[in-house]
Amino acid sequence: MEILEKRQDALIAGSEVWLVRPQHIDDVLRVCVTANRVPPAGERGALVIATDAELSAGSLISTIRSCAVGLDLPLIYGASVGYPIDANPPFVIKRNRDLTTSWPAFEPVTPALFGMAGMAPTGGADAFLAFLADELKPALAEAFPIDPDQATLTGQSFGGLFVLYALLHRPDAFRRYLAVSPSLWWHDHALLDVAARIVEENPAPAARVYMCVGELEHRARFAQQFGAPMPDAIKDVVQTALGSVDMPGDMFVMKQILQRWQNDGFSVEAHMYPEESHESIMGAAFSRGLRRLHGTL
């Protein structure tokens, strides 16, 4: 990983911004790092790496700082990973590449839904996971008083899908996994099939897993959101992928699969939050999920 720039964030006091070029991703990524309190001499904090900094950074920073004041969370460094503010194409396209496995049929969908031309490549999850685990995490532990063995990975929607992908493919890369509204419908629920096979063939890791979805993440609401006219070229893909989305159901199926892992060092929880939607859930998920994973709730 090449660090192109380090500077204090002009928008969020006490935060540092890194612009980095990963070894195996031909792009520049933006990382926003902040601690929830001043570390006492000799103390090393836990690390929370969040995908989708454009959506998660503000909620993550406010949550870990507020909860530290009330002793609801220990010393934590939050690192939100996204893209330069002036990125072209924008983050809604780039995240498709970094957070998913390959699904060529879906690649025209996101641009069309946002009124853009072209394709949104998929399939970069392995490279992105290698960047977070093998490049970013060690670099952060070298720059800040962080214990890399106490690292949490979190993300929402495609980010939640990616968190569970990481758990299944590199379970020892992180100690805790917070998957928010995971898009397990991706590629005909492929990750559920992968999970069943991996759990059957491999021992349980030493990891804690917390999943959550909102009560309002149901078929009727998604049908309203994606019921507007759309180009014929993507209509069938959208209807197939999202027409029967059952976010809570998929999450609880994943929980049932992961519960087959029997190990004193492994645990999995899944919760549905009342009155939360796919768009509103992040604040509640950070508060409850991080406190639960770090043993204060």
Protein backbone atom coordinates (compact mmCIF):
# COMPACT_ATOMS: atom_id res chain seq x y z
CA MET A 1 0.00 0.00 0.00
CA GLU A 2 1.31 3.42 -0.94
CA ILE A 3 0.26 6.29 1.32
CA LEU A 4 -0.11 9.28 -0.98
CA GLU A 5 -1.15 11.83 1.63
CA LYS A 6 -1.83 12.22 5.35
CA ARG A 7 -3.55 15.28 6.74
CA GLN A 8 -5.89 16.45 9.47
CA ASP A 9 -9.51 16.36 8.39
CA ALA A 10 -10.80 19.89 7.87
CA LEU A 11 -14.40 18.81 8.49
CA ILE A 12 -14.17 16.47 11.49
CA ALA A 13 -12.04 17.69 14.40
CA GLY A 14 -9.48 15.24 15.68
CA SER A 15 -9.62 13.03 12.61
CA GLU A 16 -6.84 12.18 10.18
CA VAL A 17 -7.38 11.49 6.48
CA TRP A 18 -5.19 9.17 4.44
CA LEU A 19 -5.24 8.87 0.66
CA VAL A 20 -3.83 5.46 -0.23
CA ARG A 21 -3.21 3.32 -3.30
CA PRO A 22 -3.65 -0.39 -2.50
CA GLN A 23 -1.26 -2.91 -3.95
CA HIS A 24 -3.91 -4.86 -5.86
CA ILE A 25 -6.61 -2.23 -6.51
CA ASP A 26 -5.95 0.21 -9.32
CA ASP A 27 -7.51 3.17 -7.55
CA VAL A 28 -7.05 5.70 -4.75
CA LEU A 29 -9.02 5.15 -1.53
CA ARG A 30 -9.76 7.64 1.24
CA VAL A 31 -9.49 6.55 4.89
CA CYS A 32 -10.77 8.70 7.75
CA VAL A 33 -9.29 7.73 11.15
CA THR A 34 -10.37 8.98 14.56
CA ALA A 35 -10.11 7.87 18.20
CA ASN A 36 -13.00 8.11 20.63
CA ARG A 37 -10.79 9.54 23.39
CA VAL A 38 -7.19 10.44 24.12
CA PRO A 39 -5.36 7.17 24.80
CA PRO A 40 -3.66 6.90 28.19
CA ALA A 41 0.07 6.26 28.05
CA GLY A 42 0.78 2.65 27.17
CA GLU A 43 -2.83 1.73 26.35
CA ARG A 44 -3.68 0.25 22.97
CA GLY A 45 -7.17 0.58 21.56
CA ALA A 46 -9.40 -1.65 19.49
CA LEU A 47 -9.92 -0.92 15.79
CA VAL A 48 -13.19 -0.66 13.88
CA ILE A 49 -12.88 -0.63 10.09
CA ALA A 50 -16.06 0.46 8.32
CA THR A 51 -16.80 0.32 4.61
CA ASP A 52 -18.66 3.08 2.78
CA ALA A 53 -17.08 6.07 4.52
CA GLU A 54 -19.37 8.34 2.51
CA LEU A 55 -22.30 6.87 4.47
CA SER A 56 -20.70 5.57 7.65
CA ALA A 57 -17.98 7.98 8.82
CA GLY A 58 -20.20 10.52 10.55
CA SER A 59 -22.31 7.93 12.38
CA LEU A 60 -19.28 5.89 13.40
CA ILE A 61 -17.37 8.88 14.78
CA SER A 62 -20.32 10.31 16.70
CA THR A 63 -21.23 6.92 18.14
CA ILE A 64 -17.81 5.88 19.38
CA ARG A 65 -17.10 9.34 20.82
CA SER A 66 -20.47 9.72 22.55
CA CYS A 67 -20.36 6.21 23.98
CA ALA A 68 -16.83 6.74 25.28
CA VAL A 69 -17.99 9.71 27.36
CA GLY A 70 -20.51 7.48 29.12
CA LEU A 71 -18.09 4.51 29.38
CA ASP A 72 -20.25 2.51 26.98
CA LEU A 73 -17.27 1.71 24.76
CA PRO A 74 -13.56 1.17 25.44
CA LEU A 75 -10.79 3.00 23.62
CA ILE A 76 -11.56 2.57 19.91
CA TYR A 77 -10.03 3.87 16.71
CA GLY A 78 -12.56 4.11 13.91
CA ALA A 79 -11.31 3.90 10.31
CA SER A 80 -13.93 4.55 7.63
CA VAL A 81 -12.83 3.52 4.14
CA GLY A 82 -14.21 5.16 1.03
CA TYR A 83 -13.11 7.19 -1.97
CA PRO A 84 -11.86 10.72 -2.65
CA ILE A 85 -14.63 13.28 -2.40
CA ASP A 86 -14.24 14.19 -6.08
CA ALA A 87 -14.02 10.56 -7.23
CA ASN A 88 -15.21 9.90 -10.78
CA PRO A 89 -17.11 7.64 -11.10
CA PRO A 90 -18.69 8.29 -7.69
CA PHE A 91 -18.66 5.96 -4.72
CA VAL A 92 -22.01 4.34 -5.59
CA ILE A 93 -20.27 2.81 -8.60
CA LYS A 94 -16.91 2.02 -6.99
CA ARG A 95 -18.45 0.26 -4.00
CA ASN A 96 -20.07 -2.28 -6.35
CA ARG A 97 -16.57 -3.29 -7.41
CA ASP A 98 -15.03 -3.56 -3.96
CA LEU A 99 -17.81 -5.11 -1.89
CA THR A 100 -19.12 -7.87 -4.15
CA THR A 101 -18.34 -11.11 -5.89
CA SER A 102 -18.63 -11.23 -9.68
CA TRP A 103 -22.15 -10.93 -11.12
CA PRO A 104 -21.95 -9.52 -14.67
CA ALA A 105 -25.72 -9.41 -15.13
CA PHE A 106 -26.02 -6.83 -12.34
CA GLU A 107 -23.30 -4.50 -13.61
CA PRO A 108 -25.62 -2.19 -15.64
CA VAL A 109 -28.16 -1.90 -12.81
CA THR A 110 -26.61 0.60 -10.38
CA PRO A 111 -25.65 3.17 -13.05
CA ALA A 112 -29.13 2.99 -14.54
CA LEU A 113 -30.84 3.39 -11.16
CA PHE A 114 -28.79 6.55 -10.55
CA GLY A 115 -29.32 7.96 -14.03
CA MET A 116 -25.78 7.27 -15.25
CA ALA A 117 -24.48 5.51 -18.32
CA GLY A 118 -22.05 2.62 -18.36
CA MET A 119 -21.39 -0.32 -16.08
CA ALA A 120 -20.51 -0.78 -12.41
CA PRO A 121 -17.93 -3.61 -12.29
CA THR A 122 -18.36 -6.29 -9.65
CA GLY A 123 -16.15 -8.97 -8.18
CA GLY A 124 -13.44 -7.13 -6.23
CA ALA A 125 -14.22 -8.49 -2.75
CA ASP A 126 -11.05 -10.58 -2.50
CA ALA A 127 -8.74 -7.69 -3.41
CA PHE A 128 -10.56 -5.30 -1.09
CA LEU A 129 -10.44 -7.77 1.80
CA ALA A 130 -6.71 -8.31 1.25
CA PHE A 131 -6.20 -4.54 1.31
CA LEU A 132 -8.07 -4.11 4.60
CA ALA A 133 -6.53 -7.10 6.36
CA ASP A 134 -2.99 -7.17 5.02
CA GLU A 135 -2.22 -3.54 4.19
CA LEU A 136 -4.48 -1.08 6.00
CA LYS A 137 -4.79 -2.80 9.37
CA PRO A 138 -1.01 -3.20 9.89
CA ALA A 139 -0.39 0.37 8.71
CA LEU A 140 -2.93 1.75 11.19
CA ALA A 141 -1.46 -0.36 14.01
CA GLU A 142 1.96 1.10 13.22
CA ALA A 143 0.71 4.70 13.11
CA PHE A 144 -1.59 4.62 16.15
CA PRO A 145 -1.65 2.75 19.49
CA ILE A 146 -3.93 0.02 18.12
CA ASP A 147 -4.08 -3.67 19.00
CA PRO A 148 -4.53 -5.34 15.57
CA ASP A 149 -5.82 -8.50 17.26
CA GLN A 150 -8.84 -6.53 18.50
CA ALA A 151 -10.19 -5.44 15.12
CA THR A 152 -13.83 -5.24 14.03
CA LEU A 153 -15.06 -5.16 10.44
CA THR A 154 -18.41 -3.51 9.75
CA GLY A 155 -20.50 -2.52 6.76
CA GLN A 156 -24.09 -2.00 5.64
CA SER A 157 -26.04 -3.36 2.65
CA PHE A 158 -23.35 -4.43 0.15
CA GLY A 159 -20.98 -3.65 3.03
CA GLY A 160 -22.88 -6.09 5.25
CA LEU A 161 -22.65 -8.72 2.52
CA PHE A 162 -18.90 -8.06 2.36
CA VAL A 163 -18.52 -8.43 6.15
CA LEU A 164 -20.05 -11.91 6.00
CA TYR A 165 -17.96 -12.76 2.95
CA ALA A 166 -14.86 -11.81 4.96
CA LEU A 167 -15.99 -13.90 7.93
CA LEU A 168 -16.40 -16.96 5.74
CA HIS A 169 -13.30 -16.58 3.59
CA ARG A 170 -10.78 -15.09 6.04
CA PRO A 171 -12.33 -15.60 9.48
CA ASP A 172 -9.10 -14.90 11.34
CA ALA A 173 -8.56 -11.49 9.74
CA PHE A 174 -10.81 -9.80 12.32
CA ARG A 175 -11.99 -10.65 15.82
CA ARG A 176 -15.47 -9.13 15.47
CA TYR A 177 -17.89 -8.80 12.56
CA LEU A 178 -20.83 -6.35 12.48
CA ALA A 179 -23.00 -6.98 9.41
CA VAL A 180 -25.77 -4.42 8.98
CA SER A 181 -28.64 -5.12 6.55
CA PRO A 182 -26.51 -7.58 4.57
CA SER A 183 -27.58 -7.88 0.92
CA LEU A 184 -27.71 -11.66 0.99
CA TRP A 185 -29.99 -11.62 -2.08
CA TRP A 186 -26.84 -10.94 -4.13
CA HIS A 187 -26.35 -13.35 -7.04
CA ASP A 188 -29.29 -15.61 -6.17
CA HIS A 189 -28.32 -15.88 -2.49
CA ALA A 190 -24.95 -17.36 -3.41
CA LEU A 191 -23.31 -16.50 -0.08
CA LEU A 192 -25.87 -18.56 1.84
CA ASP A 193 -24.86 -21.63 -0.17
CA VAL A 194 -21.18 -20.83 0.33
CA ALA A 195 -21.74 -20.41 4.07
CA ALA A 196 -23.42 -23.80 4.41
CA ARG A 197 -20.48 -25.49 2.68
CA ILE A 198 -17.76 -23.63 4.61
CA VAL A 199 -19.40 -24.21 7.98
CA GLU A 200 -19.71 -27.90 7.20
CA GLU A 201 -16.09 -28.28 6.08
CA ASN A 202 -14.19 -25.98 8.46
CA PRO A 203 -13.85 -25.51 12.24
CA ALA A 204 -15.38 -22.47 13.85
CA PRO A 205 -13.13 -19.43 14.15
CA ALA A 206 -12.53 -17.40 17.29
CA ALA A 207 -14.89 -14.60 16.31
CA ARG A 208 -17.99 -12.76 17.44
CA VAL A 209 -20.65 -11.96 14.84
CA TYR A 210 -23.52 -9.49 15.18
CA MET A 211 -26.09 -9.06 12.39
CA CYS A 212 -29.07 -6.72 12.26
CA VAL A 213 -31.77 -5.53 9.87
CA GLY A 214 -34.60 -3.03 10.14
CA GLU A 215 -38.24 -3.95 10.58
CA LEU A 216 -39.06 -1.89 7.47
CA GLU A 217 -36.67 -3.77 5.19
CA HIS A 218 -39.45 -5.86 3.66
CA ARG A 219 -40.77 -6.71 0.23
CA ALA A 220 -43.57 -4.14 0.15
CA ARG A 221 -41.23 -1.24 0.86
CA PHE A 222 -38.62 -2.40 -1.66
CA ALA A 223 -41.36 -2.84 -4.24
CA GLN A 224 -42.27 0.83 -3.76
CA GLN A 225 -38.65 1.96 -3.98
CA PHE A 226 -37.91 0.00 -7.13
CA GLY A 227 -41.34 0.13 -8.70
CA ALA A 228 -40.69 3.18 -10.88
CA PRO A 229 -40.23 2.74 -14.64
CA MET A 230 -36.73 1.65 -15.59
CA PRO A 231 -34.86 0.72 -18.75
CA ASP A 232 -35.89 -2.60 -20.25
CA ALA A 233 -32.25 -3.70 -20.23
CA ILE A 234 -32.19 -3.88 -16.43
CA LYS A 235 -35.86 -4.46 -15.59
CA ASP A 236 -35.62 -8.25 -15.51
CA VAL A 237 -32.43 -8.22 -13.45
CA VAL A 238 -33.89 -5.83 -10.88
CA GLN A 239 -37.14 -7.72 -10.62
CA THR A 240 -35.30 -11.02 -10.23
CA ALA A 241 -32.80 -9.68 -7.70
CA LEU A 242 -34.99 -7.33 -5.69
CA GLY A 243 -38.55 -8.34 -6.47
CA SER A 244 -38.72 -10.83 -3.61
CA VAL A 245 -36.14 -9.37 -1.22
CA ASP A 246 -36.57 -10.66 2.33
CA MET A 247 -33.77 -9.03 4.31
CA PRO A 248 -34.87 -10.29 7.76
CA GLY A 249 -35.52 -13.79 6.45
CA ASP A 250 -32.16 -14.03 4.73
CA MET A 251 -30.38 -12.78 7.84
CA PHE A 252 -32.02 -15.37 10.07
CA VAL A 253 -31.17 -18.13 7.57
CA MET A 254 -27.53 -17.02 7.76
CA LYS A 255 -27.74 -17.07 11.55
CA GLN A 256 -29.05 -20.65 11.49
CA ILE A 257 -26.17 -21.68 9.23
CA LEU A 258 -23.50 -19.98 11.35
CA GLN A 259 -24.92 -21.45 14.56
CA ARG A 260 -23.76 -24.87 13.33
CA TRP A 261 -20.25 -23.71 14.16
CA GLN A 262 -19.64 -24.98 17.68
CA ASN A 263 -16.74 -23.35 19.51
CA ASP A 264 -16.41 -21.58 22.84
CA GLY A 265 -14.67 -18.73 21.03
CA PHE A 266 -17.41 -18.26 18.42
CA SER A 267 -20.78 -16.56 18.80
CA VAL A 268 -23.42 -15.19 16.47
CA GLU A 269 -26.42 -12.94 17.12
CA ALA A 270 -29.09 -11.58 14.79
CA HIS A 271 -31.63 -8.86 15.61
CA MET A 272 -34.42 -7.00 13.86
CA TYR A 273 -34.73 -3.35 14.90
CA PRO A 274 -38.27 -1.91 15.15
CA GLU A 275 -39.15 1.07 12.94
CA GLU A 276 -35.79 1.10 11.11
CA SER A 277 -35.43 1.00 7.33
CA HIS A 278 -32.54 0.13 5.03
CA GLU A 279 -31.66 3.81 4.97
CA SER A 280 -32.10 4.69 8.66
CA ILE A 281 -30.51 1.78 10.50
CA MET A 282 -26.83 2.75 10.72
CA GLY A 283 -26.89 4.86 13.89
CA ALA A 284 -28.76 2.21 15.85
CA ALA A 285 -26.57 -0.56 14.42
CA PHE A 286 -23.33 1.12 15.45
CA SER A 287 -24.62 1.87 18.94
CA ARG A 288 -26.09 -1.52 19.75
CA GLY A 289 -23.74 -3.64 17.67
CA LEU A 290 -20.45 -2.16 18.87
CA ARG A 291 -21.55 -2.12 22.49
CA ARG A 292 -22.63 -5.74 22.23
CA LEU A 293 -19.47 -6.87 20.46
CA HIS A 294 -17.24 -5.08 22.94
CA GLY A 295 -19.01 -6.52 25.96
CA THR A 296 -20.66 -3.38 27.35
CA LEU A 297 -24.29 -4.19 26.48
